[in-house]
Amino acid sequence: MGLICLRADSLTVVIVGAIGMGAAFSLLFPSLSLVAINRVGPERRGVAMGTFTANFDLGMLVGSPAVGAAAALGGYSAAFYLAAFASMACAGLAFSMSRRPAFEPLPDTLRA
């Protein structure tokens, strides 16, 4: 959808592309938040959701200006290289976290 907006010849095409991107984003956030809260116990789900939301918003706050600055300083290729690097770093982090077991309840001897 982003390519549709980039190559658009009219405002109508830009609006259609923006609607498509918004629809895709509306599916992404709930899906990722579900992954985050399913990795913790019921008593920690609020903390997990808050942490996920804060980091998601922080990524938007830092990522968008960083890619814009890269495009302004080095052209669009620099912006795409920066985005590719960030994607690979996040994929590596996600892969390293996926090796950990999902939520396991505490044994009765460790419960408060």
PDB file of N, CA and C in Angstrom:
ATOM      1  N   MET A   1       0.819  -1.193   0.000  1.00  0.00           N
ATOM      2  CA  MET A   1       0.000   0.000   0.000  1.00  0.00           C
ATOM      3  C   MET A   1       0.865   1.260   0.000  1.00  0.00           C
ATOM      4  N   GLY A   2       2.007   1.199   0.685  1.00  0.00           N
ATOM      5  CA  GLY A   2       2.895   2.348   0.706  1.00  0.00           C
ATOM      6  C   GLY A   2       3.390   2.697  -0.681  1.00  0.00           C
ATOM      7  N   LEU A   3       3.617   1.673  -1.519  1.00  0.00           N
ATOM      8  CA  LEU A   3       4.056   1.925  -2.889  1.00  0.00           C
ATOM      9  C   LEU A   3       2.952   2.581  -3.713  1.00  0.00           C
ATOM     10  N   ILE A   4       1.706   2.249  -3.397  1.00  0.00           N
ATOM     11  CA  ILE A   4       0.590   2.890  -4.101  1.00  0.00           C
ATOM     12  C   ILE A   4       0.598   4.388  -3.809  1.00  0.00           C
ATOM     13  N   CYS A   5       0.802   4.753  -2.540  1.00  0.00           N
ATOM     14  CA  CYS A   5       0.843   6.166  -2.165  1.00  0.00           C
ATOM     15  C   CYS A   5       2.035   6.862  -2.807  1.00  0.00           C
ATOM     16  N   LEU A   6       3.164   6.166  -2.888  1.00  0.00           N
ATOM     17  CA  LEU A   6       4.379   6.757  -3.447  1.00  0.00           C
ATOM     18  C   LEU A   6       4.242   7.017  -4.936  1.00  0.00           C
ATOM     19  N   ARG A   7       3.589   6.132  -5.650  1.00  0.00           N
ATOM     20  CA  ARG A   7       3.469   6.247  -7.105  1.00  0.00           C
ATOM     21  C   ARG A   7       2.144   6.872  -7.548  1.00  0.00           C
ATOM     22  N   ALA A   8       1.424   7.449  -6.631  1.00  0.00           N
ATOM     23  CA  ALA A   8       0.086   7.963  -6.944  1.00  0.00           C
ATOM     24  C   ALA A   8       0.152   9.180  -7.853  1.00  0.00           C
ATOM     25  N   ASP A   9      -0.804   9.221  -8.786  1.00  0.00           N
ATOM     26  CA  ASP A   9      -0.928  10.361  -9.685  1.00  0.00           C
ATOM     27  C   ASP A   9      -2.066  11.287  -9.282  1.00  0.00           C
ATOM     28  N   SER A  10      -2.897  10.832  -8.348  1.00  0.00           N
ATOM     29  CA  SER A  10      -4.029  11.657  -7.935  1.00  0.00           C
ATOM     30  C   SER A  10      -4.281  11.490  -6.442  1.00  0.00           C
ATOM     31  N   LEU A  11      -5.030  12.409  -5.907  1.00  0.00           N
ATOM     32  CA  LEU A  11      -5.368  12.370  -4.488  1.00  0.00           C
ATOM     33  C   LEU A  11      -6.213  11.147  -4.150  1.00  0.00           C
ATOM     34  N   THR A  12      -7.045  10.711  -5.063  1.00  0.00           N
ATOM     35  CA  THR A  12      -7.894   9.540  -4.825  1.00  0.00           C
ATOM     36  C   THR A  12      -7.046   8.295  -4.577  1.00  0.00           C
ATOM     37  N   VAL A  13      -5.999   8.125  -5.364  1.00  0.00           N
ATOM     38  CA  VAL A  13      -5.122   6.962  -5.191  1.00  0.00           C
ATOM     39  C   VAL A  13      -4.395   7.043  -3.849  1.00  0.00           C
ATOM     40  N   VAL A  14      -3.984   8.241  -3.452  1.00  0.00           N
ATOM     41  CA  VAL A  14      -3.321   8.418  -2.158  1.00  0.00           C
ATOM     42  C   VAL A  14      -4.278   8.054  -1.023  1.00  0.00           C
ATOM     43  N   ILE A  15      -5.522   8.472  -1.124  1.00  0.00           N
ATOM     44  CA  ILE A  15      -6.509   8.176  -0.089  1.00  0.00           C
ATOM     45  C   ILE A  15      -6.783   6.679  -0.017  1.00  0.00           C
ATOM     46  N   VAL A  16      -6.888   6.016  -1.155  1.00  0.00           N
ATOM     47  CA  VAL A  16      -7.112   4.571  -1.174  1.00  0.00           C
ATOM     48  C   VAL A  16      -5.910   3.853  -0.547  1.00  0.00           C
ATOM     49  N   GLY A  17      -4.704   4.280  -0.869  1.00  0.00           N
ATOM     50  CA  GLY A  17      -3.506   3.690  -0.272  1.00  0.00           C
ATOM     51  C   GLY A  17      -3.446   3.911   1.226  1.00  0.00           C
ATOM     52  N   ALA A  18      -3.812   5.108   1.676  1.00  0.00           N
ATOM     53  CA  ALA A  18      -3.810   5.407   3.109  1.00  0.00           C
ATOM     54  C   ALA A  18      -4.854   4.568   3.850  1.00  0.00           C
ATOM     55  N   ILE A  19      -5.992   4.359   3.243  1.00  0.00           N
ATOM     56  CA  ILE A  19      -7.027   3.510   3.854  1.00  0.00           C
ATOM     57  C   ILE A  19      -6.523   2.077   3.954  1.00  0.00           C
ATOM     58  N   GLY A  20      -5.863   1.591   2.927  1.00  0.00           N
ATOM     59  CA  GLY A  20      -5.306   0.236   2.968  1.00  0.00           C
ATOM     60  C   GLY A  20      -4.243   0.092   4.035  1.00  0.00           C
ATOM     61  N   MET A  21      -3.372   1.087   4.167  1.00  0.00           N
ATOM     62  CA  MET A  21      -2.342   1.040   5.202  1.00  0.00           C
ATOM     63  C   MET A  21      -2.967   1.090   6.594  1.00  0.00           C
ATOM     64  N   GLY A  22      -3.991   1.907   6.758  1.00  0.00           N
ATOM     65  CA  GLY A  22      -4.679   1.986   8.043  1.00  0.00           C
ATOM     66  C   GLY A  22      -5.363   0.672   8.397  1.00  0.00           C
ATOM     67  N   ALA A  23      -5.955   0.022   7.399  1.00  0.00           N
ATOM     68  CA  ALA A  23      -6.606  -1.273   7.647  1.00  0.00           C
ATOM     69  C   ALA A  23      -5.580  -2.324   8.053  1.00  0.00           C
ATOM     70  N   ALA A  24      -4.436  -2.336   7.387  1.00  0.00           N
ATOM     71  CA  ALA A  24      -3.387  -3.299   7.737  1.00  0.00           C
ATOM     72  C   ALA A  24      -2.841  -3.015   9.138  1.00  0.00           C
ATOM     73  N   PHE A  25      -2.652  -1.757   9.452  1.00  0.00           N
ATOM     74  CA  PHE A  25      -2.126  -1.391  10.771  1.00  0.00           C
ATOM     75  C   PHE A  25      -3.125  -1.738  11.863  1.00  0.00           C
ATOM     76  N   SER A  26      -4.413  -1.630  11.570  1.00  0.00           N
ATOM     77  CA  SER A  26      -5.424  -1.950  12.584  1.00  0.00           C
ATOM     78  C   SER A  26      -5.437  -3.439  12.910  1.00  0.00           C
ATOM     79  N   LEU A  27      -4.920  -4.273  12.035  1.00  0.00           N
ATOM     80  CA  LEU A  27      -4.794  -5.705  12.325  1.00  0.00           C
ATOM     81  C   LEU A  27      -3.467  -6.033  13.003  1.00  0.00           C
ATOM     82  N   LEU A  28      -2.447  -5.243  12.718  1.00  0.00           N
ATOM     83  CA  LEU A  28      -1.114  -5.509  13.248  1.00  0.00           C
ATOM     84  C   LEU A  28      -1.036  -5.297  14.755  1.00  0.00           C
ATOM     85  N   PHE A  29      -1.510  -4.170  15.244  1.00  0.00           N
ATOM     86  CA  PHE A  29      -1.378  -3.851  16.659  1.00  0.00           C
ATOM     87  C   PHE A  29      -2.067  -4.871  17.562  1.00  0.00           C
ATOM     88  N   PRO A  30      -3.335  -5.221  17.312  1.00  0.00           N
ATOM     89  CA  PRO A  30      -3.967  -6.217  18.195  1.00  0.00           C
ATOM     90  C   PRO A  30      -3.289  -7.585  18.117  1.00  0.00           C
ATOM     91  N   SER A  31      -2.808  -7.956  16.953  1.00  0.00           N
ATOM     92  CA  SER A  31      -2.146  -9.258  16.813  1.00  0.00           C
ATOM     93  C   SER A  31      -0.858  -9.300  17.622  1.00  0.00           C
ATOM     94  N   LEU A  32      -0.048  -8.254  17.514  1.00  0.00           N
ATOM     95  CA  LEU A  32       1.208  -8.225  18.255  1.00  0.00           C
ATOM     96  C   LEU A  32       0.980  -8.096  19.760  1.00  0.00           C
ATOM     97  N   SER A  33      -0.035  -7.342  20.156  1.00  0.00           N
ATOM     98  CA  SER A  33      -0.307  -7.226  21.596  1.00  0.00           C
ATOM     99  C   SER A  33      -0.786  -8.553  22.166  1.00  0.00           C
ATOM    100  N   LEU A  34      -1.506  -9.328  21.386  1.00  0.00           N
ATOM    101  CA  LEU A  34      -1.935 -10.649  21.837  1.00  0.00           C
ATOM    102  C   LEU A  34      -0.730 -11.561  22.045  1.00  0.00           C
ATOM    103  N   VAL A  35       0.236 -11.498  21.154  1.00  0.00           N
ATOM    104  CA  VAL A  35       1.461 -12.278  21.320  1.00  0.00           C
ATOM    105  C   VAL A  35       2.167 -11.868  22.609  1.00  0.00           C
ATOM    106  N   ALA A  36       2.217 -10.578  22.882  1.00  0.00           N
ATOM    107  CA  ALA A  36       2.906 -10.087  24.081  1.00  0.00           C
ATOM    108  C   ALA A  36       2.224 -10.552  25.362  1.00  0.00           C
ATOM    109  N   ILE A  37       0.917 -10.454  25.432  1.00  0.00           N
ATOM    110  CA  ILE A  37       0.247 -10.804  26.690  1.00  0.00           C
ATOM    111  C   ILE A  37       0.106 -12.304  26.884  1.00  0.00           C
ATOM    112  N   ASN A  38       0.193 -13.078  25.812  1.00  0.00           N
ATOM    113  CA  ASN A  38       0.111 -14.530  25.967  1.00  0.00           C
ATOM    114  C   ASN A  38       1.406 -15.136  26.493  1.00  0.00           C
ATOM    115  N   ARG A  39       2.469 -14.363  26.556  1.00  0.00           N
ATOM    116  CA  ARG A  39       3.754 -14.874  27.038  1.00  0.00           C
ATOM    117  C   ARG A  39       3.927 -14.705  28.543  1.00  0.00           C
ATOM    118  N   VAL A  40       2.934 -14.116  29.208  1.00  0.00           N
ATOM    119  CA  VAL A  40       3.041 -13.897  30.651  1.00  0.00           C
ATOM    120  C   VAL A  40       1.815 -14.475  31.342  1.00  0.00           C
ATOM    121  N   GLY A  41       1.920 -14.585  32.646  1.00  0.00           N
ATOM    122  CA  GLY A  41       0.805 -15.094  33.435  1.00  0.00           C
ATOM    123  C   GLY A  41      -0.309 -14.075  33.549  1.00  0.00           C
ATOM    124  N   PRO A  42      -1.475 -14.517  33.969  1.00  0.00           N
ATOM    125  CA  PRO A  42      -2.635 -13.622  34.057  1.00  0.00           C
ATOM    126  C   PRO A  42      -2.410 -12.411  34.957  1.00  0.00           C
ATOM    127  N   GLU A  43      -1.617 -12.584  36.021  1.00  0.00           N
ATOM    128  CA  GLU A  43      -1.403 -11.478  36.953  1.00  0.00           C
ATOM    129  C   GLU A  43      -0.467 -10.407  36.396  1.00  0.00           C
ATOM    130  N   ARG A  44       0.226 -10.667  35.291  1.00  0.00           N
ATOM    131  CA  ARG A  44       1.178  -9.715  34.724  1.00  0.00           C
ATOM    132  C   ARG A  44       0.735  -9.190  33.356  1.00  0.00           C
ATOM    133  N   ARG A  45      -0.462  -9.504  32.929  1.00  0.00           N
ATOM    134  CA  ARG A  45      -0.904  -9.099  31.590  1.00  0.00           C
ATOM    135  C   ARG A  45      -1.035  -7.593  31.439  1.00  0.00           C
ATOM    136  N   GLY A  46      -1.440  -6.912  32.488  1.00  0.00           N
ATOM    137  CA  GLY A  46      -1.534  -5.451  32.418  1.00  0.00           C
ATOM    138  C   GLY A  46      -0.178  -4.811  32.220  1.00  0.00           C
ATOM    139  N   VAL A  47       0.810  -5.312  32.934  1.00  0.00           N
ATOM    140  CA  VAL A  47       2.179  -4.810  32.795  1.00  0.00           C
ATOM    141  C   VAL A  47       2.708  -5.111  31.399  1.00  0.00           C
ATOM    142  N   ALA A  48       2.432  -6.316  30.910  1.00  0.00           N
ATOM    143  CA  ALA A  48       2.897  -6.693  29.573  1.00  0.00           C
ATOM    144  C   ALA A  48       2.268  -5.805  28.503  1.00  0.00           C
ATOM    145  N   MET A  49       0.985  -5.528  28.642  1.00  0.00           N
ATOM    146  CA  MET A  49       0.308  -4.683  27.657  1.00  0.00           C
ATOM    147  C   MET A  49       0.822  -3.257  27.719  1.00  0.00           C
ATOM    148  N   GLY A  50       1.038  -2.745  28.913  1.00  0.00           N
ATOM    149  CA  GLY A  50       1.578  -1.399  29.057  1.00  0.00           C
ATOM    150  C   GLY A  50       2.975  -1.284  28.488  1.00  0.00           C
ATOM    151  N   THR A  51       3.812  -2.284  28.752  1.00  0.00           N
ATOM    152  CA  THR A  51       5.176  -2.277  28.221  1.00  0.00           C
ATOM    153  C   THR A  51       5.166  -2.372  26.705  1.00  0.00           C
ATOM    154  N   PHE A  52       4.324  -3.254  26.170  1.00  0.00           N
ATOM    155  CA  PHE A  52       4.232  -3.386  24.712  1.00  0.00           C
ATOM    156  C   PHE A  52       3.776  -2.083  24.077  1.00  0.00           C
ATOM    157  N   THR A  53       2.733  -1.484  24.616  1.00  0.00           N
ATOM    158  CA  THR A  53       2.200  -0.243  24.041  1.00  0.00           C
ATOM    159  C   THR A  53       3.225   0.885  24.118  1.00  0.00           C
ATOM    160  N   ALA A  54       3.908   1.012  25.250  1.00  0.00           N
ATOM    161  CA  ALA A  54       4.920   2.062  25.395  1.00  0.00           C
ATOM    162  C   ALA A  54       6.053   1.879  24.389  1.00  0.00           C
ATOM    163  N   ASN A  55       6.508   0.658  24.211  1.00  0.00           N
ATOM    164  CA  ASN A  55       7.585   0.416  23.263  1.00  0.00           C
ATOM    165  C   ASN A  55       7.134   0.556  21.822  1.00  0.00           C
ATOM    166  N   PHE A  56       5.906   0.194  21.535  1.00  0.00           N
ATOM    167  CA  PHE A  56       5.355   0.374  20.188  1.00  0.00           C
ATOM    168  C   PHE A  56       5.301   1.867  19.860  1.00  0.00           C
ATOM    169  N   ASP A  57       4.813   2.654  20.798  1.00  0.00           N
ATOM    170  CA  ASP A  57       4.742   4.097  20.597  1.00  0.00           C
ATOM    171  C   ASP A  57       6.129   4.723  20.519  1.00  0.00           C
ATOM    172  N   LEU A  58       7.059   4.237  21.333  1.00  0.00           N
ATOM    173  CA  LEU A  58       8.431   4.733  21.281  1.00  0.00           C
ATOM    174  C   LEU A  58       9.066   4.435  19.920  1.00  0.00           C
ATOM    175  N   GLY A  59       8.776   3.283  19.375  1.00  0.00           N
ATOM    176  CA  GLY A  59       9.268   2.956  18.036  1.00  0.00           C
ATOM    177  C   GLY A  59       8.733   3.911  16.985  1.00  0.00           C
ATOM    178  N   MET A  60       7.485   4.286  17.104  1.00  0.00           N
ATOM    179  CA  MET A  60       6.897   5.267  16.173  1.00  0.00           C
ATOM    180  C   MET A  60       7.541   6.641  16.363  1.00  0.00           C
ATOM    181  N   LEU A  61       7.758   7.009  17.624  1.00  0.00           N
ATOM    182  CA  LEU A  61       8.323   8.316  17.944  1.00  0.00           C
ATOM    183  C   LEU A  61       9.750   8.452  17.430  1.00  0.00           C
ATOM    184  N   VAL A  62      10.538   7.408  17.575  1.00  0.00           N
ATOM    185  CA  VAL A  62      11.946   7.463  17.182  1.00  0.00           C
ATOM    186  C   VAL A  62      12.129   7.060  15.720  1.00  0.00           C
ATOM    187  N   GLY A  63      11.417   6.019  15.294  1.00  0.00           N
ATOM    188  CA  GLY A  63      11.626   5.475  13.957  1.00  0.00           C
ATOM    189  C   GLY A  63      11.251   6.409  12.827  1.00  0.00           C
ATOM    190  N   SER A  64      10.120   7.038  12.930  1.00  0.00           N
ATOM    191  CA  SER A  64       9.663   7.903  11.835  1.00  0.00           C
ATOM    192  C   SER A  64      10.607   9.073  11.587  1.00  0.00           C
ATOM    193  N   PRO A  65      10.990   9.847  12.608  1.00  0.00           N
ATOM    194  CA  PRO A  65      11.947  10.929  12.356  1.00  0.00           C
ATOM    195  C   PRO A  65      13.320  10.419  11.914  1.00  0.00           C
ATOM    196  N   ALA A  66      13.751   9.264  12.427  1.00  0.00           N
ATOM    197  CA  ALA A  66      15.063   8.733  12.043  1.00  0.00           C
ATOM    198  C   ALA A  66      15.091   8.366  10.568  1.00  0.00           C
ATOM    199  N   VAL A  67      14.041   7.725  10.090  1.00  0.00           N
ATOM    200  CA  VAL A  67      13.982   7.374   8.672  1.00  0.00           C
ATOM    201  C   VAL A  67      13.834   8.635   7.819  1.00  0.00           C
ATOM    202  N   GLY A  68      13.071   9.600   8.299  1.00  0.00           N
ATOM    203  CA  GLY A  68      12.953  10.868   7.574  1.00  0.00           C
ATOM    204  C   GLY A  68      14.282  11.595   7.484  1.00  0.00           C
ATOM    205  N   ALA A  69      15.036  11.604   8.581  1.00  0.00           N
ATOM    206  CA  ALA A  69      16.357  12.246   8.571  1.00  0.00           C
ATOM    207  C   ALA A  69      17.309  11.504   7.643  1.00  0.00           C
ATOM    208  N   ALA A  70      17.251  10.184   7.659  1.00  0.00           N
ATOM    209  CA  ALA A  70      18.107   9.400   6.758  1.00  0.00           C
ATOM    210  C   ALA A  70      17.772   9.701   5.309  1.00  0.00           C
ATOM    211  N   ALA A  71      16.490   9.851   4.998  1.00  0.00           N
ATOM    212  CA  ALA A  71      16.087  10.181   3.622  1.00  0.00           C
ATOM    213  C   ALA A  71      16.553  11.576   3.240  1.00  0.00           C
ATOM    214  N   ALA A  72      16.473  12.512   4.186  1.00  0.00           N
ATOM    215  CA  ALA A  72      16.899  13.883   3.896  1.00  0.00           C
ATOM    216  C   ALA A  72      18.413  13.971   3.706  1.00  0.00           C
ATOM    217  N   LEU A  73      19.165  13.209   4.497  1.00  0.00           N
ATOM    218  CA  LEU A  73      20.627  13.290   4.432  1.00  0.00           C
ATOM    219  C   LEU A  73      21.240  12.407   3.351  1.00  0.00           C
ATOM    220  N   GLY A  74      20.695  11.213   3.173  1.00  0.00           N
ATOM    221  CA  GLY A  74      21.328  10.270   2.247  1.00  0.00           C
ATOM    222  C   GLY A  74      20.446   9.800   1.110  1.00  0.00           C
ATOM    223  N   GLY A  75      19.268  10.372   0.979  1.00  0.00           N
ATOM    224  CA  GLY A  75      18.357   9.943  -0.081  1.00  0.00           C
ATOM    225  C   GLY A  75      17.498   8.773   0.377  1.00  0.00           C
ATOM    226  N   TYR A  76      16.606   8.356  -0.500  1.00  0.00           N
ATOM    227  CA  TYR A  76      15.681   7.282  -0.150  1.00  0.00           C
ATOM    228  C   TYR A  76      16.390   5.955   0.087  1.00  0.00           C
ATOM    229  N   SER A  77      17.496   5.727  -0.597  1.00  0.00           N
ATOM    230  CA  SER A  77      18.204   4.459  -0.382  1.00  0.00           C
ATOM    231  C   SER A  77      18.699   4.361   1.059  1.00  0.00           C
ATOM    232  N   ALA A  78      19.174   5.460   1.630  1.00  0.00           N
ATOM    233  CA  ALA A  78      19.630   5.445   3.025  1.00  0.00           C
ATOM    234  C   ALA A  78      18.464   5.156   3.964  1.00  0.00           C
ATOM    235  N   ALA A  79      17.300   5.698   3.664  1.00  0.00           N
ATOM    236  CA  ALA A  79      16.115   5.446   4.487  1.00  0.00           C
ATOM    237  C   ALA A  79      15.739   3.970   4.437  1.00  0.00           C
ATOM    238  N   PHE A  80      15.798   3.380   3.256  1.00  0.00           N
ATOM    239  CA  PHE A  80      15.459   1.969   3.140  1.00  0.00           C
ATOM    240  C   PHE A  80      16.506   1.081   3.799  1.00  0.00           C
ATOM    241  N   TYR A  81      17.785   1.467   3.706  1.00  0.00           N
ATOM    242  CA  TYR A  81      18.824   0.706   4.400  1.00  0.00           C
ATOM    243  C   TYR A  81      18.627   0.771   5.914  1.00  0.00           C
ATOM    244  N   LEU A  82      18.285   1.934   6.425  1.00  0.00           N
ATOM    245  CA  LEU A  82      18.036   2.081   7.861  1.00  0.00           C
ATOM    246  C   LEU A  82      16.831   1.239   8.287  1.00  0.00           C
ATOM    247  N   ALA A  83      15.781   1.268   7.500  1.00  0.00           N
ATOM    248  CA  ALA A  83      14.594   0.465   7.809  1.00  0.00           C
ATOM    249  C   ALA A  83      14.908  -1.026   7.744  1.00  0.00           C
ATOM    250  N   ALA A  84      15.713  -1.426   6.773  1.00  0.00           N
ATOM    251  CA  ALA A  84      16.093  -2.837   6.659  1.00  0.00           C
ATOM    252  C   ALA A  84      16.936  -3.264   7.861  1.00  0.00           C
ATOM    253  N   PHE A  85      17.866  -2.404   8.268  1.00  0.00           N
ATOM    254  CA  PHE A  85      18.690  -2.717   9.441  1.00  0.00           C
ATOM    255  C   PHE A  85      17.829  -2.844  10.694  1.00  0.00           C
ATOM    256  N   ALA A  86      16.904  -1.913  10.886  1.00  0.00           N
ATOM    257  CA  ALA A  86      16.022  -1.970  12.055  1.00  0.00           C
ATOM    258  C   ALA A  86      15.151  -3.221  12.019  1.00  0.00           C
ATOM    259  N   SER A  87      14.676  -3.600  10.851  1.00  0.00           N
ATOM    260  CA  SER A  87      13.859  -4.808  10.720  1.00  0.00           C
ATOM    261  C   SER A  87      14.655  -6.058  11.055  1.00  0.00           C
ATOM    262  N   MET A  88      15.895  -6.108  10.571  1.00  0.00           N
ATOM    263  CA  MET A  88      16.741  -7.275  10.855  1.00  0.00           C
ATOM    264  C   MET A  88      17.071  -7.341  12.350  1.00  0.00           C
ATOM    265  N   ALA A  89      17.328  -6.202  12.963  1.00  0.00           N
ATOM    266  CA  ALA A  89      17.624  -6.180  14.396  1.00  0.00           C
ATOM    267  C   ALA A  89      16.414  -6.650  15.201  1.00  0.00           C
ATOM    268  N   CYS A  90      15.236  -6.184  14.824  1.00  0.00           N
ATOM    269  CA  CYS A  90      14.015  -6.614  15.528  1.00  0.00           C
ATOM    270  C   CYS A  90      13.735  -8.098  15.294  1.00  0.00           C
ATOM    271  N   ALA A  91      13.991  -8.579  14.088  1.00  0.00           N
ATOM    272  CA  ALA A  91      13.796 -10.007  13.819  1.00  0.00           C
ATOM    273  C   ALA A  91      14.761 -10.844  14.654  1.00  0.00           C
ATOM    274  N   GLY A  92      15.997 -10.389  14.775  1.00  0.00           N
ATOM    275  CA  GLY A  92      16.962 -11.099  15.610  1.00  0.00           C
ATOM    276  C   GLY A  92      16.539 -11.120  17.068  1.00  0.00           C
ATOM    277  N   LEU A  93      16.056 -10.000  17.552  1.00  0.00           N
ATOM    278  CA  LEU A  93      15.570  -9.935  18.933  1.00  0.00           C
ATOM    279  C   LEU A  93      14.373 -10.860  19.133  1.00  0.00           C
ATOM    280  N   ALA A  94      13.445 -10.838  18.193  1.00  0.00           N
ATOM    281  CA  ALA A  94      12.266 -11.697  18.296  1.00  0.00           C
ATOM    282  C   ALA A  94      12.663 -13.170  18.253  1.00  0.00           C
ATOM    283  N   PHE A  95      13.623 -13.505  17.401  1.00  0.00           N
ATOM    284  CA  PHE A  95      14.082 -14.895  17.322  1.00  0.00           C
ATOM    285  C   PHE A  95      14.729 -15.328  18.627  1.00  0.00           C
ATOM    286  N   SER A  96      15.526 -14.451  19.210  1.00  0.00           N
ATOM    287  CA  SER A  96      16.184 -14.811  20.470  1.00  0.00           C
ATOM    288  C   SER A  96      15.168 -14.967  21.594  1.00  0.00           C
ATOM    289  N   MET A  97      14.106 -14.200  21.559  1.00  0.00           N
ATOM    290  CA  MET A  97      13.076 -14.304  22.594  1.00  0.00           C
ATOM    291  C   MET A  97      12.162 -15.503  22.361  1.00  0.00           C
ATOM    292  N   SER A  98      12.049 -15.966  21.136  1.00  0.00           N
ATOM    293  CA  SER A  98      11.147 -17.081  20.854  1.00  0.00           C
ATOM    294  C   SER A  98      11.698 -18.404  21.377  1.00  0.00           C
ATOM    295  N   ARG A  99      12.971 -18.464  21.687  1.00  0.00           N
ATOM    296  CA  ARG A  99      13.554 -19.684  22.232  1.00  0.00           C
ATOM    297  C   ARG A  99      13.159 -19.902  23.682  1.00  0.00           C
ATOM    298  N   ARG A 100      12.778 -18.839  24.350  1.00  0.00           N
ATOM    299  CA  ARG A 100      12.363 -18.967  25.742  1.00  0.00           C
ATOM    300  C   ARG A 100      10.985 -19.617  25.798  1.00  0.00           C
ATOM    301  N   PRO A 101      10.754 -20.423  26.800  1.00  0.00           N
ATOM    302  CA  PRO A 101       9.427 -21.039  26.883  1.00  0.00           C
ATOM    303  C   PRO A 101       8.360 -19.994  27.179  1.00  0.00           C
ATOM    304  N   ALA A 102       7.174 -20.286  26.734  1.00  0.00           N
ATOM    305  CA  ALA A 102       6.051 -19.408  27.035  1.00  0.00           C
ATOM    306  C   ALA A 102       5.749 -19.499  28.532  1.00  0.00           C
ATOM    307  N   PHE A 103       4.742 -18.837  28.962  1.00  0.00           N
ATOM    308  CA  PHE A 103       4.383 -18.770  30.376  1.00  0.00           C
ATOM    309  C   PHE A 103       4.286 -20.161  30.980  1.00  0.00           C
ATOM    310  N   GLU A 104       4.974 -20.330  32.087  1.00  0.00           N
ATOM    311  CA  GLU A 104       4.873 -21.556  32.867  1.00  0.00           C
ATOM    312  C   GLU A 104       4.469 -21.154  34.281  1.00  0.00           C
ATOM    313  N   PRO A 105       3.397 -21.705  34.817  1.00  0.00           N
ATOM    314  CA  PRO A 105       2.979 -21.327  36.166  1.00  0.00           C
ATOM    315  C   PRO A 105       4.041 -21.707  37.196  1.00  0.00           C
ATOM    316  N   LEU A 106       4.120 -20.908  38.235  1.00  0.00           N
ATOM    317  CA  LEU A 106       5.061 -21.179  39.319  1.00  0.00           C
ATOM    318  C   LEU A 106       4.634 -22.441  40.075  1.00  0.00           C
ATOM    319  N   PRO A 107       5.607 -23.192  40.550  1.00  0.00           N
ATOM    320  CA  PRO A 107       5.242 -24.322  41.417  1.00  0.00           C
ATOM    321  C   PRO A 107       4.578 -23.803  42.688  1.00  0.00           C
ATOM    322  N   ASP A 108       3.782 -24.618  43.315  1.00  0.00           N
ATOM    323  CA  ASP A 108       3.063 -24.206  44.522  1.00  0.00           C
ATOM    324  C   ASP A 108       3.997 -23.749  45.634  1.00  0.00           C
ATOM    325  N   THR A 109       5.215 -24.262  45.670  1.00  0.00           N
ATOM    326  CA  THR A 109       6.145 -23.887  46.728  1.00  0.00           C
ATOM    327  C   THR A 109       6.644 -22.460  46.568  1.00  0.00           C
ATOM    328  N   LEU A 110       6.563 -21.877  45.367  1.00  0.00           N
ATOM    329  CA  LEU A 110       7.045 -20.518  45.133  1.00  0.00           C
ATOM    330  C   LEU A 110       5.935 -19.472  45.154  1.00  0.00           C
ATOM    331  N   ARG A 111       4.706 -19.893  45.238  1.00  0.00           N
ATOM    332  CA  ARG A 111       3.596 -18.932  45.257  1.00  0.00           C
ATOM    333  C   ARG A 111       3.529 -18.222  46.602  1.00  0.00           C
ATOM    334  N   ALA A 112       3.115 -16.960  46.555  1.00  0.00           N
ATOM    335  CA  ALA A 112       3.012 -16.169  47.794  1.00  0.00           C
ATOM    336  C   ALA A 112       1.768 -16.516  48.560  1.00  0.00           C
TER     337      ALA A 112
END
